[in-house]
Amino acid sequence: MKTRKTPMRMCVGCREMKEKREMIRVVRSPEGDVSLDPVGKKPGRGAYVCRDAACLKRAIKQKQLERQLDIALTEEVSRALNEAMAQYSDGEAHE
């Protein structure tokens, strides 16, 4: 039986290549809303971030998310992303 290739993605915060299932997708919907997509199935333009709050903060600070998603992030959206990431980095990252 042939082994399947593991999809790899680059974190926009730390710029490391990791397996897709170890990452969280940040997605800009067609309506322009930005949110976390832990399942990776939401429609829209996406960027991948490690399950680490520090990587998300670095991606926001360096404006990497804005470049990847082609949208200007407001302070309110950045705060909401950080709060949502706190739940994923605490709970699911240590499976």
PDB file of N, CA and C in Angstrom:
ATOM      1  N   MET A   1       0.838  -1.183   0.000  1.00  0.00           N
ATOM      2  CA  MET A   1       0.000   0.000   0.000  1.00  0.00           C
ATOM      3  C   MET A   1       0.883   1.247   0.000  1.00  0.00           C
ATOM      4  N   LYS A   2       0.504   2.197  -0.800  1.00  0.00           N
ATOM      5  CA  LYS A   2       1.275   3.422  -0.942  1.00  0.00           C
ATOM      6  C   LYS A   2       0.992   4.374   0.222  1.00  0.00           C
ATOM      7  N   THR A   3       2.032   4.973   0.773  1.00  0.00           N
ATOM      8  CA  THR A   3       1.832   5.937   1.846  1.00  0.00           C
ATOM      9  C   THR A   3       1.467   7.287   1.249  1.00  0.00           C
ATOM     10  N   ARG A   4       0.554   7.982   1.908  1.00  0.00           N
ATOM     11  CA  ARG A   4       0.106   9.275   1.420  1.00  0.00           C
ATOM     12  C   ARG A   4       1.049  10.373   1.887  1.00  0.00           C
ATOM     13  N   LYS A   5       1.179  11.365   1.061  1.00  0.00           N
ATOM     14  CA  LYS A   5       1.989  12.531   1.402  1.00  0.00           C
ATOM     15  C   LYS A   5       1.255  13.354   2.450  1.00  0.00           C
ATOM     16  N   THR A   6       1.977  13.830   3.439  1.00  0.00           N
ATOM     17  CA  THR A   6       1.384  14.673   4.473  1.00  0.00           C
ATOM     18  C   THR A   6       1.413  16.118   3.999  1.00  0.00           C
ATOM     19  N   PRO A   7       0.242  16.789   3.944  1.00  0.00           N
ATOM     20  CA  PRO A   7       0.244  18.188   3.514  1.00  0.00           C
ATOM     21  C   PRO A   7       0.978  19.076   4.516  1.00  0.00           C
ATOM     22  N   MET A   8       1.841  19.938   4.004  1.00  0.00           N
ATOM     23  CA  MET A   8       2.619  20.841   4.845  1.00  0.00           C
ATOM     24  C   MET A   8       2.174  22.279   4.577  1.00  0.00           C
ATOM     25  N   ARG A   9       2.204  23.099   5.625  1.00  0.00           N
ATOM     26  CA  ARG A   9       1.861  24.514   5.501  1.00  0.00           C
ATOM     27  C   ARG A   9       2.875  25.332   6.286  1.00  0.00           C
ATOM     28  N   MET A  10       3.062  26.598   5.879  1.00  0.00           N
ATOM     29  CA  MET A  10       3.988  27.482   6.563  1.00  0.00           C
ATOM     30  C   MET A  10       3.223  28.390   7.511  1.00  0.00           C
ATOM     31  N   CYS A  11       3.699  28.499   8.734  1.00  0.00           N
ATOM     32  CA  CYS A  11       3.117  29.404   9.724  1.00  0.00           C
ATOM     33  C   CYS A  11       3.492  30.837   9.348  1.00  0.00           C
ATOM     34  N   VAL A  12       2.495  31.733   9.320  1.00  0.00           N
ATOM     35  CA  VAL A  12       2.783  33.122   8.964  1.00  0.00           C
ATOM     36  C   VAL A  12       3.451  33.869  10.115  1.00  0.00           C
ATOM     37  N   GLY A  13       3.469  33.281  11.312  1.00  0.00           N
ATOM     38  CA  GLY A  13       4.118  33.918  12.458  1.00  0.00           C
ATOM     39  C   GLY A  13       5.586  33.575  12.564  1.00  0.00           C
ATOM     40  N   CYS A  14       5.890  32.278  12.667  1.00  0.00           N
ATOM     41  CA  CYS A  14       7.281  31.853  12.864  1.00  0.00           C
ATOM     42  C   CYS A  14       7.945  31.398  11.564  1.00  0.00           C
ATOM     43  N   ARG A  15       7.180  31.287  10.472  1.00  0.00           N
ATOM     44  CA  ARG A  15       7.680  30.916   9.144  1.00  0.00           C
ATOM     45  C   ARG A  15       8.234  29.494   9.090  1.00  0.00           C
ATOM     46  N   GLU A  16       7.783  28.604   9.980  1.00  0.00           N
ATOM     47  CA  GLU A  16       8.216  27.208   9.964  1.00  0.00           C
ATOM     48  C   GLU A  16       7.207  26.357   9.209  1.00  0.00           C
ATOM     49  N   MET A  17       7.706  25.363   8.502  1.00  0.00           N
ATOM     50  CA  MET A  17       6.843  24.414   7.812  1.00  0.00           C
ATOM     51  C   MET A  17       6.441  23.326   8.796  1.00  0.00           C
ATOM     52  N   LYS A  18       5.135  23.082   8.890  1.00  0.00           N
ATOM     53  CA  LYS A  18       4.611  22.041   9.777  1.00  0.00           C
ATOM     54  C   LYS A  18       3.475  21.329   9.068  1.00  0.00           C
ATOM     55  N   GLU A  19       3.056  20.195   9.648  1.00  0.00           N
ATOM     56  CA  GLU A  19       1.940  19.465   9.072  1.00  0.00           C
ATOM     57  C   GLU A  19       0.665  20.297   9.190  1.00  0.00           C
ATOM     58  N   LYS A  20      -0.170  20.200   8.174  1.00  0.00           N
ATOM     59  CA  LYS A  20      -1.392  20.994   8.112  1.00  0.00           C
ATOM     60  C   LYS A  20      -2.284  20.748   9.330  1.00  0.00           C
ATOM     61  N   ARG A  21      -2.372  19.516   9.807  1.00  0.00           N
ATOM     62  CA  ARG A  21      -3.260  19.207  10.928  1.00  0.00           C
ATOM     63  C   ARG A  21      -2.755  19.767  12.260  1.00  0.00           C
ATOM     64  N   GLU A  22      -1.501  20.199  12.320  1.00  0.00           N
ATOM     65  CA  GLU A  22      -0.954  20.813  13.535  1.00  0.00           C
ATOM     66  C   GLU A  22      -1.196  22.320  13.578  1.00  0.00           C
ATOM     67  N   MET A  23      -1.762  22.866  12.508  1.00  0.00           N
ATOM     68  CA  MET A  23      -1.924  24.313  12.389  1.00  0.00           C
ATOM     69  C   MET A  23      -3.397  24.704  12.540  1.00  0.00           C
ATOM     70  N   ILE A  24      -3.619  25.989  12.747  1.00  0.00           N
ATOM     71  CA  ILE A  24      -4.966  26.548  12.743  1.00  0.00           C
ATOM     72  C   ILE A  24      -5.041  27.532  11.589  1.00  0.00           C
ATOM     73  N   ARG A  25      -6.131  27.460  10.865  1.00  0.00           N
ATOM     74  CA  ARG A  25      -6.326  28.345   9.716  1.00  0.00           C
ATOM     75  C   ARG A  25      -7.058  29.603  10.161  1.00  0.00           C
ATOM     76  N   VAL A  26      -6.537  30.738   9.739  1.00  0.00           N
ATOM     77  CA  VAL A  26      -7.217  32.022   9.924  1.00  0.00           C
ATOM     78  C   VAL A  26      -7.819  32.334   8.571  1.00  0.00           C
ATOM     79  N   VAL A  27      -9.114  32.603   8.537  1.00  0.00           N
ATOM     80  CA  VAL A  27      -9.805  32.745   7.264  1.00  0.00           C
ATOM     81  C   VAL A  27     -10.532  34.090   7.161  1.00  0.00           C
ATOM     82  N   ARG A  28     -10.472  34.672   5.954  1.00  0.00           N
ATOM     83  CA  ARG A  28     -11.271  35.859   5.635  1.00  0.00           C
ATOM     84  C   ARG A  28     -12.400  35.372   4.750  1.00  0.00           C
ATOM     85  N   SER A  29     -13.625  35.495   5.245  1.00  0.00           N
ATOM     86  CA  SER A  29     -14.787  35.018   4.504  1.00  0.00           C
ATOM     87  C   SER A  29     -15.051  35.927   3.306  1.00  0.00           C
ATOM     88  N   PRO A  30     -15.875  35.472   2.366  1.00  0.00           N
ATOM     89  CA  PRO A  30     -16.227  36.328   1.228  1.00  0.00           C
ATOM     90  C   PRO A  30     -16.899  37.636   1.651  1.00  0.00           C
ATOM     91  N   GLU A  31     -17.512  37.659   2.832  1.00  0.00           N
ATOM     92  CA  GLU A  31     -18.139  38.878   3.353  1.00  0.00           C
ATOM     93  C   GLU A  31     -17.130  39.823   3.986  1.00  0.00           C
ATOM     94  N   GLY A  32     -15.897  39.343   4.228  1.00  0.00           N
ATOM     95  CA  GLY A  32     -14.850  40.181   4.807  1.00  0.00           C
ATOM     96  C   GLY A  32     -14.615  39.951   6.287  1.00  0.00           C
ATOM     97  N   ASP A  33     -15.306  38.979   6.899  1.00  0.00           N
ATOM     98  CA  ASP A  33     -15.111  38.663   8.310  1.00  0.00           C
ATOM     99  C   ASP A  33     -13.867  37.799   8.478  1.00  0.00           C
ATOM    100  N   VAL A  34     -13.085  38.072   9.526  1.00  0.00           N
ATOM    101  CA  VAL A  34     -11.873  37.302   9.809  1.00  0.00           C
ATOM    102  C   VAL A  34     -12.111  36.493  11.075  1.00  0.00           C
ATOM    103  N   SER A  35     -11.820  35.179  11.017  1.00  0.00           N
ATOM    104  CA  SER A  35     -12.016  34.312  12.169  1.00  0.00           C
ATOM    105  C   SER A  35     -11.070  33.127  12.095  1.00  0.00           C
ATOM    106  N   LEU A  36     -10.985  32.385  13.202  1.00  0.00           N
ATOM    107  CA  LEU A  36     -10.193  31.158  13.238  1.00  0.00           C
ATOM    108  C   LEU A  36     -11.040  30.018  12.688  1.00  0.00           C
ATOM    109  N   ASP A  37     -10.417  29.129  11.970  1.00  0.00           N
ATOM    110  CA  ASP A  37     -11.087  27.972  11.385  1.00  0.00           C
ATOM    111  C   ASP A  37     -10.297  26.720  11.765  1.00  0.00           C
ATOM    112  N   PRO A  38     -10.531  26.165  12.957  1.00  0.00           N
ATOM    113  CA  PRO A  38      -9.731  25.014  13.401  1.00  0.00           C
ATOM    114  C   PRO A  38      -9.941  23.760  12.552  1.00  0.00           C
ATOM    115  N   VAL A  39     -11.096  23.643  11.895  1.00  0.00           N
ATOM    116  CA  VAL A  39     -11.378  22.474  11.063  1.00  0.00           C
ATOM    117  C   VAL A  39     -10.771  22.635   9.673  1.00  0.00           C
ATOM    118  N   GLY A  40     -10.666  23.873   9.193  1.00  0.00           N
ATOM    119  CA  GLY A  40     -10.067  24.139   7.894  1.00  0.00           C
ATOM    120  C   GLY A  40     -11.032  23.989   6.736  1.00  0.00           C
ATOM    121  N   LYS A  41     -12.323  24.104   6.980  1.00  0.00           N
ATOM    122  CA  LYS A  41     -13.317  23.888   5.928  1.00  0.00           C
ATOM    123  C   LYS A  41     -14.102  25.143   5.543  1.00  0.00           C
ATOM    124  N   LYS A  42     -13.932  26.243   6.266  1.00  0.00           N
ATOM    125  CA  LYS A  42     -14.693  27.453   5.953  1.00  0.00           C
ATOM    126  C   LYS A  42     -14.268  28.007   4.602  1.00  0.00           C
ATOM    127  N   PRO A  43     -15.220  28.567   3.852  1.00  0.00           N
ATOM    128  CA  PRO A  43     -14.859  29.157   2.563  1.00  0.00           C
ATOM    129  C   PRO A  43     -14.165  30.499   2.756  1.00  0.00           C
ATOM    130  N   GLY A  44     -13.266  30.820   1.866  1.00  0.00           N
ATOM    131  CA  GLY A  44     -12.584  32.105   1.920  1.00  0.00           C
ATOM    132  C   GLY A  44     -11.078  31.952   1.836  1.00  0.00           C
ATOM    133  N   ARG A  45     -10.402  33.078   1.874  1.00  0.00           N
ATOM    134  CA  ARG A  45      -8.945  33.118   1.788  1.00  0.00           C
ATOM    135  C   ARG A  45      -8.363  32.796   3.165  1.00  0.00           C
ATOM    136  N   GLY A  46      -7.376  31.927   3.216  1.00  0.00           N
ATOM    137  CA  GLY A  46      -6.837  31.495   4.494  1.00  0.00           C
ATOM    138  C   GLY A  46      -5.340  31.654   4.625  1.00  0.00           C
ATOM    139  N   ALA A  47      -4.909  31.658   5.877  1.00  0.00           N
ATOM    140  CA  ALA A  47      -3.490  31.667   6.229  1.00  0.00           C
ATOM    141  C   ALA A  47      -3.349  30.746   7.446  1.00  0.00           C
ATOM    142  N   TYR A  48      -2.220  30.098   7.560  1.00  0.00           N
ATOM    143  CA  TYR A  48      -2.025  29.125   8.639  1.00  0.00           C
ATOM    144  C   TYR A  48      -1.100  29.670   9.715  1.00  0.00           C
ATOM    145  N   VAL A  49      -1.443  29.316  10.983  1.00  0.00           N
ATOM    146  CA  VAL A  49      -0.692  29.749  12.148  1.00  0.00           C
ATOM    147  C   VAL A  49      -0.533  28.548  13.074  1.00  0.00           C
ATOM    148  N   CYS A  50       0.610  28.451  13.737  1.00  0.00           N
ATOM    149  CA  CYS A  50       0.826  27.391  14.730  1.00  0.00           C
ATOM    150  C   CYS A  50      -0.215  27.517  15.846  1.00  0.00           C
ATOM    151  N   ARG A  51      -0.417  26.451  16.575  1.00  0.00           N
ATOM    152  CA  ARG A  51      -1.339  26.493  17.713  1.00  0.00           C
ATOM    153  C   ARG A  51      -0.647  27.122  18.924  1.00  0.00           C
ATOM    154  N   ASP A  52      -0.051  28.249  18.691  1.00  0.00           N
ATOM    155  CA  ASP A  52       0.689  28.968  19.723  1.00  0.00           C
ATOM    156  C   ASP A  52       0.288  30.434  19.652  1.00  0.00           C
ATOM    157  N   ALA A  53      -0.159  30.982  20.768  1.00  0.00           N
ATOM    158  CA  ALA A  53      -0.613  32.372  20.793  1.00  0.00           C
ATOM    159  C   ALA A  53       0.506  33.337  20.403  1.00  0.00           C
ATOM    160  N   ALA A  54       1.749  32.995  20.704  1.00  0.00           N
ATOM    161  CA  ALA A  54       2.873  33.869  20.365  1.00  0.00           C
ATOM    162  C   ALA A  54       3.028  33.997  18.847  1.00  0.00           C
ATOM    163  N   CYS A  55       2.802  32.917  18.117  1.00  0.00           N
ATOM    164  CA  CYS A  55       2.894  32.978  16.654  1.00  0.00           C
ATOM    165  C   CYS A  55       1.800  33.873  16.084  1.00  0.00           C
ATOM    166  N   LEU A  56       0.592  33.780  16.624  1.00  0.00           N
ATOM    167  CA  LEU A  56      -0.492  34.638  16.150  1.00  0.00           C
ATOM    168  C   LEU A  56      -0.188  36.098  16.444  1.00  0.00           C
ATOM    169  N   LYS A  57       0.303  36.384  17.643  1.00  0.00           N
ATOM    170  CA  LYS A  57       0.643  37.767  17.986  1.00  0.00           C
ATOM    171  C   LYS A  57       1.735  38.314  17.079  1.00  0.00           C
ATOM    172  N   ARG A  58       2.741  37.485  16.774  1.00  0.00           N
ATOM    173  CA  ARG A  58       3.822  37.906  15.891  1.00  0.00           C
ATOM    174  C   ARG A  58       3.294  38.159  14.479  1.00  0.00           C
ATOM    175  N   ALA A  59       2.397  37.301  14.000  1.00  0.00           N
ATOM    176  CA  ALA A  59       1.823  37.472  12.662  1.00  0.00           C
ATOM    177  C   ALA A  59       1.002  38.752  12.569  1.00  0.00           C
ATOM    178  N   ILE A  60       0.300  39.098  13.650  1.00  0.00           N
ATOM    179  CA  ILE A  60      -0.483  40.338  13.670  1.00  0.00           C
ATOM    180  C   ILE A  60       0.445  41.545  13.740  1.00  0.00           C
ATOM    181  N   LYS A  61       1.442  41.474  14.617  1.00  0.00           N
ATOM    182  CA  LYS A  61       2.361  42.603  14.811  1.00  0.00           C
ATOM    183  C   LYS A  61       3.157  42.906  13.536  1.00  0.00           C
ATOM    184  N   GLN A  62       3.611  41.872  12.859  1.00  0.00           N
ATOM    185  CA  GLN A  62       4.404  42.060  11.647  1.00  0.00           C
ATOM    186  C   GLN A  62       3.536  42.251  10.400  1.00  0.00           C
ATOM    187  N   LYS A  63       2.214  42.286  10.610  1.00  0.00           N
ATOM    188  CA  LYS A  63       1.238  42.498   9.533  1.00  0.00           C
ATOM    189  C   LYS A  63       1.262  41.392   8.482  1.00  0.00           C
ATOM    190  N   GLN A  64       1.722  40.216   8.866  1.00  0.00           N
ATOM    191  CA  GLN A  64       1.728  39.089   7.936  1.00  0.00           C
ATOM    192  C   GLN A  64       0.304  38.614   7.629  1.00  0.00           C
ATOM    193  N   LEU A  65      -0.566  38.622   8.637  1.00  0.00           N
ATOM    194  CA  LEU A  65      -1.949  38.218   8.390  1.00  0.00           C
ATOM    195  C   LEU A  65      -2.635  39.181   7.437  1.00  0.00           C
ATOM    196  N   GLU A  66      -2.366  40.466   7.595  1.00  0.00           N
ATOM    197  CA  GLU A  66      -2.970  41.451   6.700  1.00  0.00           C
ATOM    198  C   GLU A  66      -2.527  41.206   5.261  1.00  0.00           C
ATOM    199  N   ARG A  67      -1.269  40.886   5.069  1.00  0.00           N
ATOM    200  CA  ARG A  67      -0.765  40.631   3.714  1.00  0.00           C
ATOM    201  C   ARG A  67      -1.370  39.352   3.128  1.00  0.00           C
ATOM    202  N   GLN A  68      -1.392  38.302   3.934  1.00  0.00           N
ATOM    203  CA  GLN A  68      -1.892  37.017   3.444  1.00  0.00           C
ATOM    204  C   GLN A  68      -3.393  37.043   3.158  1.00  0.00           C
ATOM    205  N   LEU A  69      -4.142  37.713   4.019  1.00  0.00           N
ATOM    206  CA  LEU A  69      -5.593  37.749   3.864  1.00  0.00           C
ATOM    207  C   LEU A  69      -6.067  38.918   3.009  1.00  0.00           C
ATOM    208  N   ASP A  70      -5.166  39.824   2.688  1.00  0.00           N
ATOM    209  CA  ASP A  70      -5.470  40.988   1.856  1.00  0.00           C
ATOM    210  C   ASP A  70      -6.603  41.826   2.464  1.00  0.00           C
ATOM    211  N   ILE A  71      -6.449  42.131   3.759  1.00  0.00           N
ATOM    212  CA  ILE A  71      -7.441  42.934   4.482  1.00  0.00           C
ATOM    213  C   ILE A  71      -6.731  43.645   5.633  1.00  0.00           C
ATOM    214  N   ALA A  72      -7.222  44.813   6.014  1.00  0.00           N
ATOM    215  CA  ALA A  72      -6.659  45.535   7.161  1.00  0.00           C
ATOM    216  C   ALA A  72      -7.349  45.035   8.431  1.00  0.00           C
ATOM    217  N   LEU A  73      -6.551  44.556   9.391  1.00  0.00           N
ATOM    218  CA  LEU A  73      -7.111  44.060  10.649  1.00  0.00           C
ATOM    219  C   LEU A  73      -7.296  45.213  11.627  1.00  0.00           C
ATOM    220  N   THR A  74      -8.474  45.298  12.207  1.00  0.00           N
ATOM    221  CA  THR A  74      -8.726  46.306  13.237  1.00  0.00           C
ATOM    222  C   THR A  74      -8.272  45.763  14.581  1.00  0.00           C
ATOM    223  N   GLU A  75      -8.163  46.641  15.550  1.00  0.00           N
ATOM    224  CA  GLU A  75      -7.782  46.232  16.908  1.00  0.00           C
ATOM    225  C   GLU A  75      -8.805  45.251  17.475  1.00  0.00           C
ATOM    226  N   GLU A  76     -10.064  45.479  17.171  1.00  0.00           N
ATOM    227  CA  GLU A  76     -11.148  44.617  17.663  1.00  0.00           C
ATOM    228  C   GLU A  76     -11.015  43.194  17.104  1.00  0.00           C
ATOM    229  N   VAL A  77     -10.727  43.073  15.821  1.00  0.00           N
ATOM    230  CA  VAL A  77     -10.569  41.759  15.194  1.00  0.00           C
ATOM    231  C   VAL A  77      -9.323  41.065  15.749  1.00  0.00           C
ATOM    232  N   SER A  78      -8.239  41.805  15.925  1.00  0.00           N
ATOM    233  CA  SER A  78      -7.010  41.232  16.482  1.00  0.00           C
ATOM    234  C   SER A  78      -7.250  40.692  17.886  1.00  0.00           C
ATOM    235  N   ARG A  79      -7.983  41.435  18.684  1.00  0.00           N
ATOM    236  CA  ARG A  79      -8.292  40.998  20.053  1.00  0.00           C
ATOM    237  C   ARG A  79      -9.155  39.737  20.028  1.00  0.00           C
ATOM    238  N   ALA A  80     -10.141  39.686  19.147  1.00  0.00           N
ATOM    239  CA  ALA A  80     -11.011  38.513  19.042  1.00  0.00           C
ATOM    240  C   ALA A  80     -10.218  37.280  18.602  1.00  0.00           C
ATOM    241  N   LEU A  81      -9.278  37.458  17.676  1.00  0.00           N
ATOM    242  CA  LEU A  81      -8.442  36.338  17.245  1.00  0.00           C
ATOM    243  C   LEU A  81      -7.568  35.831  18.382  1.00  0.00           C
ATOM    244  N   ASN A  82      -6.986  36.756  19.148  1.00  0.00           N
ATOM    245  CA  ASN A  82      -6.145  36.351  20.285  1.00  0.00           C
ATOM    246  C   ASN A  82      -6.951  35.601  21.334  1.00  0.00           C
ATOM    247  N   GLU A  83      -8.179  36.052  21.605  1.00  0.00           N
ATOM    248  CA  GLU A  83      -9.030  35.365  22.585  1.00  0.00           C
ATOM    249  C   GLU A  83      -9.415  33.972  22.097  1.00  0.00           C
ATOM    250  N   ALA A  84      -9.737  33.857  20.816  1.00  0.00           N
ATOM    251  CA  ALA A  84     -10.090  32.553  20.261  1.00  0.00           C
ATOM    252  C   ALA A  84      -8.890  31.614  20.263  1.00  0.00           C
ATOM    253  N   MET A  85      -7.706  32.139  19.981  1.00  0.00           N
ATOM    254  CA  MET A  85      -6.493  31.317  19.956  1.00  0.00           C
ATOM    255  C   MET A  85      -6.164  30.796  21.350  1.00  0.00           C
ATOM    256  N   ALA A  86      -6.449  31.574  22.382  1.00  0.00           N
ATOM    257  CA  ALA A  86      -6.161  31.141  23.752  1.00  0.00           C
ATOM    258  C   ALA A  86      -6.864  29.826  24.060  1.00  0.00           C
ATOM    259  N   GLN A  87      -8.059  29.662  23.570  1.00  0.00           N
ATOM    260  CA  GLN A  87      -8.801  28.418  23.822  1.00  0.00           C
ATOM    261  C   GLN A  87      -8.171  27.244  23.087  1.00  0.00           C
ATOM    262  N   TYR A  88      -7.673  27.446  21.862  1.00  0.00           N
ATOM    263  CA  TYR A  88      -7.078  26.350  21.103  1.00  0.00           C
ATOM    264  C   TYR A  88      -5.676  26.016  21.568  1.00  0.00           C
ATOM    265  N   SER A  89      -4.885  27.021  21.948  1.00  0.00           N
ATOM    266  CA  SER A  89      -3.516  26.751  22.370  1.00  0.00           C
ATOM    267  C   SER A  89      -3.485  26.092  23.751  1.00  0.00           C
ATOM    268  N   ASP A  90      -4.497  26.359  24.594  1.00  0.00           N
ATOM    269  CA  ASP A  90      -4.543  25.728  25.911  1.00  0.00           C
ATOM    270  C   ASP A  90      -5.100  24.315  25.852  1.00  0.00           C
ATOM    271  N   GLY A  91      -6.233  24.149  25.184  1.00  0.00           N
ATOM    272  CA  GLY A  91      -6.947  22.892  25.231  1.00  0.00           C
ATOM    273  C   GLY A  91      -6.473  21.835  24.262  1.00  0.00           C
ATOM    274  N   GLU A  92      -6.455  22.135  22.981  1.00  0.00           N
ATOM    275  CA  GLU A  92      -6.243  21.113  21.967  1.00  0.00           C
ATOM    276  C   GLU A  92      -4.798  20.910  21.579  1.00  0.00           C
ATOM    277  N   ALA A  93      -3.929  21.842  21.876  1.00  0.00           N
ATOM    278  CA  ALA A  93      -2.540  21.729  21.418  1.00  0.00           C
ATOM    279  C   ALA A  93      -1.779  20.638  22.145  1.00  0.00           C
ATOM    280  N   HIS A  94      -2.223  20.274  23.330  1.00  0.00           N
ATOM    281  CA  HIS A  94      -1.496  19.285  24.125  1.00  0.00           C
ATOM    282  C   HIS A  94      -2.202  17.943  24.113  1.00  0.00           C
ATOM    283  N   GLU A  95      -2.635  17.500  22.931  1.00  0.00           N
ATOM    284  CA  GLU A  95      -3.370  16.242  22.816  1.00  0.00           C
ATOM    285  C   GLU A  95      -2.484  15.059  23.090  1.00  0.00           C
TER     286      GLU A  95
END
